[in-house]
C-alpha atoms as a PDB file:
ATOM      1  CA  UNK A   1       0.036  -0.054   0.038  1.00  0.00           C
ATOM      2  CA  UNK A   2       1.046   3.540  -0.459  1.00  0.00           C
ATOM      3  CA  UNK A   3       0.875   6.834   1.421  1.00  0.00           C
ATOM      4  CA  UNK A   4      -2.397   7.856  -0.148  1.00  0.00           C
ATOM      5  CA  UNK A   5      -4.122   4.677   0.974  1.00  0.00           C
ATOM      6  CA  UNK A   6      -2.804   5.041   4.457  1.00  0.00           C
ATOM      7  CA  UNK A   7      -3.895   8.700   4.541  1.00  0.00           C
ATOM      8  CA  UNK A   8      -7.390   7.549   3.648  1.00  0.00           C
ATOM      9  CA  UNK A   9      -7.395   4.945   6.299  1.00  0.00           C
ATOM     10  CA  UNK A  10      -6.122   7.406   8.837  1.00  0.00           C
ATOM     11  CA  UNK A  11      -9.006   9.711   7.931  1.00  0.00           C
ATOM     12  CA  UNK A  12     -11.497   6.844   8.438  1.00  0.00           C
ATOM     13  CA  UNK A  13      -9.885   5.828  11.720  1.00  0.00           C
ATOM     14  CA  UNK A  14     -10.027   9.444  12.980  1.00  0.00           C
ATOM     15  CA  UNK A  15     -13.526  10.072  11.818  1.00  0.00           C
ATOM     16  CA  UNK A  16     -14.810   6.831  13.361  1.00  0.00           C
ATOM     17  CA  UNK A  17     -12.948   7.390  16.603  1.00  0.00           C
ATOM     18  CA  UNK A  18     -14.678  10.769  16.997  1.00  0.00           C
ATOM     19  CA  UNK A  19     -18.011   9.309  16.060  1.00  0.00           C
ATOM     20  CA  UNK A  20     -17.664   6.265  18.277  1.00  0.00           C
ATOM     21  CA  UNK A  21     -16.411   8.448  21.142  1.00  0.00           C
ATOM     22  CA  UNK A  22     -19.426  10.736  20.892  1.00  0.00           C
ATOM     23  CA  UNK A  23     -21.713   7.662  20.702  1.00  0.00           C
ATOM     24  CA  UNK A  24     -20.153   6.261  23.786  1.00  0.00           C
ATOM     25  CA  UNK A  25     -20.366   9.491  25.694  1.00  0.00           C
ATOM     26  CA  UNK A  26     -23.973  10.218  24.726  1.00  0.00           C
ATOM     27  CA  UNK A  27     -25.642   6.895  23.661  1.00  0.00           C
ATOM     28  CA  UNK A  28     -23.915   4.217  25.753  1.00  0.00           C
ATOM     29  CA  UNK A  29     -23.511   6.094  29.068  1.00  0.00           C
ATOM     30  CA  UNK A  30     -26.783   4.929  30.414  1.00  0.00           C
ATOM     31  CA  UNK A  31     -26.770   1.534  28.815  1.00  0.00           C
ATOM     32  CA  UNK A  32     -23.283   0.076  29.626  1.00  0.00           C
ATOM     33  CA  UNK A  33     -21.867  -0.697  33.087  1.00  0.00           C
ATOM     34  CA  UNK A  34     -19.031   1.661  34.233  1.00  0.00           C
ATOM     35  CA  UNK A  35     -16.645  -1.230  33.590  1.00  0.00           C
ATOM     36  CA  UNK A  36     -17.702  -1.756  30.012  1.00  0.00           C
ATOM     37  CA  UNK A  37     -17.817   1.935  29.329  1.00  0.00           C
ATOM     38  CA  UNK A  38     -14.207   2.196  30.521  1.00  0.00           C
ATOM     39  CA  UNK A  39     -13.315  -0.601  28.115  1.00  0.00           C
ATOM     40  CA  UNK A  40     -15.077   1.146  25.239  1.00  0.00           C
ATOM     41  CA  UNK A  41     -13.288   4.399  26.039  1.00  0.00           C
ATOM     42  CA  UNK A  42      -9.950   2.673  25.997  1.00  0.00           C
ATOM     43  CA  UNK A  43     -10.754   1.213  22.573  1.00  0.00           C
ATOM     44  CA  UNK A  44     -11.749   4.655  21.168  1.00  0.00           C
ATOM     45  CA  UNK A  45      -8.750   6.368  22.757  1.00  0.00           C
ATOM     46  CA  UNK A  46      -6.224   3.901  21.383  1.00  0.00           C
ATOM     47  CA  UNK A  47      -7.861   3.923  17.931  1.00  0.00           C
ATOM     48  CA  UNK A  48      -7.534   7.692  17.911  1.00  0.00           C
ATOM     49  CA  UNK A  49      -3.895   7.640  18.947  1.00  0.00           C
ATOM     50  CA  UNK A  50      -2.875   5.126  16.379  1.00  0.00           C
ATOM     51  CA  UNK A  51      -5.072   6.959  13.719  1.00  0.00           C
ATOM     52  CA  UNK A  52      -2.918   9.993  14.355  1.00  0.00           C
ATOM     53  CA  UNK A  53       0.252   7.925  14.184  1.00  0.00           C
ATOM     54  CA  UNK A  54      -0.893   6.453  10.900  1.00  0.00           C
ATOM     55  CA  UNK A  55      -1.694  10.047   9.608  1.00  0.00           C
ATOM     56  CA  UNK A  56       1.848  11.045  10.394  1.00  0.00           C
ATOM     57  CA  UNK A  57       3.328   7.988   8.620  1.00  0.00           C
ATOM     58  CA  UNK A  58       1.096   8.702   5.584  1.00  0.00           C
ATOM     59  CA  UNK A  59       2.368  12.337   5.583  1.00  0.00           C
ATOM     60  CA  UNK A  60       5.981  11.089   5.716  1.00  0.00           C
ATOM     61  CA  UNK A  61       5.372   8.687   2.890  1.00  0.00           C
ATOM     62  CA  UNK A  62       3.674  11.293   0.681  1.00  0.00           C
ATOM     63  CA  UNK A  63       5.544  14.519   1.374  1.00  0.00           C
ATOM     64  CA  UNK A  64       9.169  13.483   1.831  1.00  0.00           C
ATOM     65  CA  UNK A  65      11.811  11.859  -0.315  1.00  0.00           C
ATOM     66  CA  UNK A  66      13.083   9.308   2.150  1.00  0.00           C
ATOM     67  CA  UNK A  67      15.358   6.509   0.986  1.00  0.00           C
ATOM     68  CA  UNK A  68      13.613   3.405  -0.307  1.00  0.00           C
ATOM     69  CA  UNK A  69      14.594   1.341   2.625  1.00  0.00           C
ATOM     70  CA  UNK A  70      13.118   3.830   5.093  1.00  0.00           C
ATOM     71  CA  UNK A  71       9.868   4.019   3.040  1.00  0.00           C
ATOM     72  CA  UNK A  72       9.594   0.247   3.239  1.00  0.00           C
ATOM     73  CA  UNK A  73       9.918   0.241   6.990  1.00  0.00           C
ATOM     74  CA  UNK A  74       7.374   3.071   7.237  1.00  0.00           C
ATOM     75  CA  UNK A  75       4.966   1.144   5.085  1.00  0.00           C
ATOM     76  CA  UNK A  76       5.405  -1.960   7.293  1.00  0.00           C
ATOM     77  CA  UNK A  77       4.821   0.223  10.307  1.00  0.00           C
ATOM     78  CA  UNK A  78       1.717   1.776   8.794  1.00  0.00           C
ATOM     79  CA  UNK A  79       0.214  -1.622   7.907  1.00  0.00           C
ATOM     80  CA  UNK A  80       0.854  -2.872  11.489  1.00  0.00           C
ATOM     81  CA  UNK A  81      -0.821   0.273  12.914  1.00  0.00           C
ATOM     82  CA  UNK A  82      -3.927  -0.648  10.921  1.00  0.00           C
ATOM     83  CA  UNK A  83      -3.833  -4.283  11.877  1.00  0.00           C
ATOM     84  CA  UNK A  84      -3.108  -3.425  15.517  1.00  0.00           C
ATOM     85  CA  UNK A  85      -6.154  -1.145  15.578  1.00  0.00           C
ATOM     86  CA  UNK A  86      -8.442  -3.844  14.115  1.00  0.00           C
ATOM     87  CA  UNK A  87      -7.227  -6.349  16.631  1.00  0.00           C
ATOM     88  CA  UNK A  88      -6.968  -4.134  19.747  1.00  0.00           C
ATOM     89  CA  UNK A  89      -9.875  -1.752  19.361  1.00  0.00           C
ATOM     90  CA  UNK A  90     -11.943  -4.014  17.268  1.00  0.00           C
ATOM     91  CA  UNK A  91     -11.783  -6.839  19.847  1.00  0.00           C
ATOM     92  CA  UNK A  92     -12.729  -4.464  22.650  1.00  0.00           C
ATOM     93  CA  UNK A  93     -15.742  -3.092  20.609  1.00  0.00           C
ATOM     94  CA  UNK A  94     -16.814  -6.660  19.899  1.00  0.00           C
ATOM     95  CA  UNK A  95     -16.497  -7.581  23.495  1.00  0.00           C
ATOM     96  CA  UNK A  96     -18.442  -4.521  24.731  1.00  0.00           C
ATOM     97  CA  UNK A  97     -21.318  -5.052  22.360  1.00  0.00           C
ATOM     98  CA  UNK A  98     -21.458  -8.929  22.454  1.00  0.00           C
ATOM     99  CA  UNK A  99     -20.481  -9.545  26.053  1.00  0.00           C
ATOM    100  CA  UNK A 100     -18.337 -12.443  24.990  1.00  0.00           C
ATOM    101  CA  UNK A 101     -15.314 -12.106  27.211  1.00  0.00           C
ATOM    102  CA  UNK A 102     -13.166 -14.392  25.136  1.00  0.00           C
ATOM    103  CA  UNK A 103     -13.026 -11.686  22.438  1.00  0.00           C
ATOM    104  CA  UNK A 104     -11.033  -9.522  24.829  1.00  0.00           C
ATOM    105  CA  UNK A 105      -8.273 -12.166  24.634  1.00  0.00           C
ATOM    106  CA  UNK A 106      -7.501 -10.909  21.205  1.00  0.00           C
ATOM    107  CA  UNK A 107      -6.704  -7.445  22.493  1.00  0.00           C
ATOM    108  CA  UNK A 108      -3.122  -8.163  23.600  1.00  0.00           C
ATOM    109  CA  UNK A 109      -2.254  -9.461  20.162  1.00  0.00           C
ATOM    110  CA  UNK A 110      -3.257  -6.015  18.878  1.00  0.00           C
ATOM    111  CA  UNK A 111      -1.079  -4.372  21.511  1.00  0.00           C
ATOM    112  CA  UNK A 112       1.887  -6.494  20.499  1.00  0.00           C
ATOM    113  CA  UNK A 113       1.211  -5.691  16.831  1.00  0.00           C
ATOM    114  CA  UNK A 114       1.413  -1.951  17.709  1.00  0.00           C
ATOM    115  CA  UNK A 115       4.701  -2.548  19.571  1.00  0.00           C
ATOM    116  CA  UNK A 116       6.133  -4.075  16.406  1.00  0.00           C
ATOM    117  CA  UNK A 117       4.734  -1.138  14.370  1.00  0.00           C
ATOM    118  CA  UNK A 118       6.533   1.385  16.576  1.00  0.00           C
ATOM    119  CA  UNK A 119       9.696  -0.773  16.418  1.00  0.00           C
ATOM    120  CA  UNK A 120       9.490  -0.764  12.584  1.00  0.00           C
ATOM    121  CA  UNK A 121       9.184   3.159  12.824  1.00  0.00           C
ATOM    122  CA  UNK A 122      12.445   3.086  14.770  1.00  0.00           C
ATOM    123  CA  UNK A 123      14.066   0.945  12.067  1.00  0.00           C
ATOM    124  CA  UNK A 124      12.792   3.404   9.383  1.00  0.00           C
ATOM    125  CA  UNK A 125      14.378   6.257  11.342  1.00  0.00           C
ATOM    126  CA  UNK A 126      17.686   4.491  11.758  1.00  0.00           C
ATOM    127  CA  UNK A 127      17.827   3.850   7.979  1.00  0.00           C
ATOM    128  CA  UNK A 128      17.822   7.572   7.201  1.00  0.00           C
ATOM    129  CA  UNK A 129      21.261   8.792   6.493  1.00  0.00           C
ATOM    130  CA  UNK A 130      21.943  12.491   7.484  1.00  0.00           C
END
């Protein structure tokens, strides 16, 4: 995938994080328990953080002339940001709305995916020659 696609995905992630956050604050406050609402807020918060990170990666891919090796690592990082969001936030949303606790067991896999994404960003930075 290229920077334009990641930019579009970042826009969707940001838009949906704001919409889901508003829905949680106004629509779910009276429906969910305090515990489940906290889980939901965590999903939204981390989705938004990683949507912003993805936005920055997309901008770097589009607006800079980084070495090809750095671009490859940035693309890998961006892809894992997306996958991590689907696994982490997606599993939490699924758990909150279904009540199936086993879905929350997927969440740490998303967290580890994000850790690898951030490590790939470090590799991309180290590949840049001054």
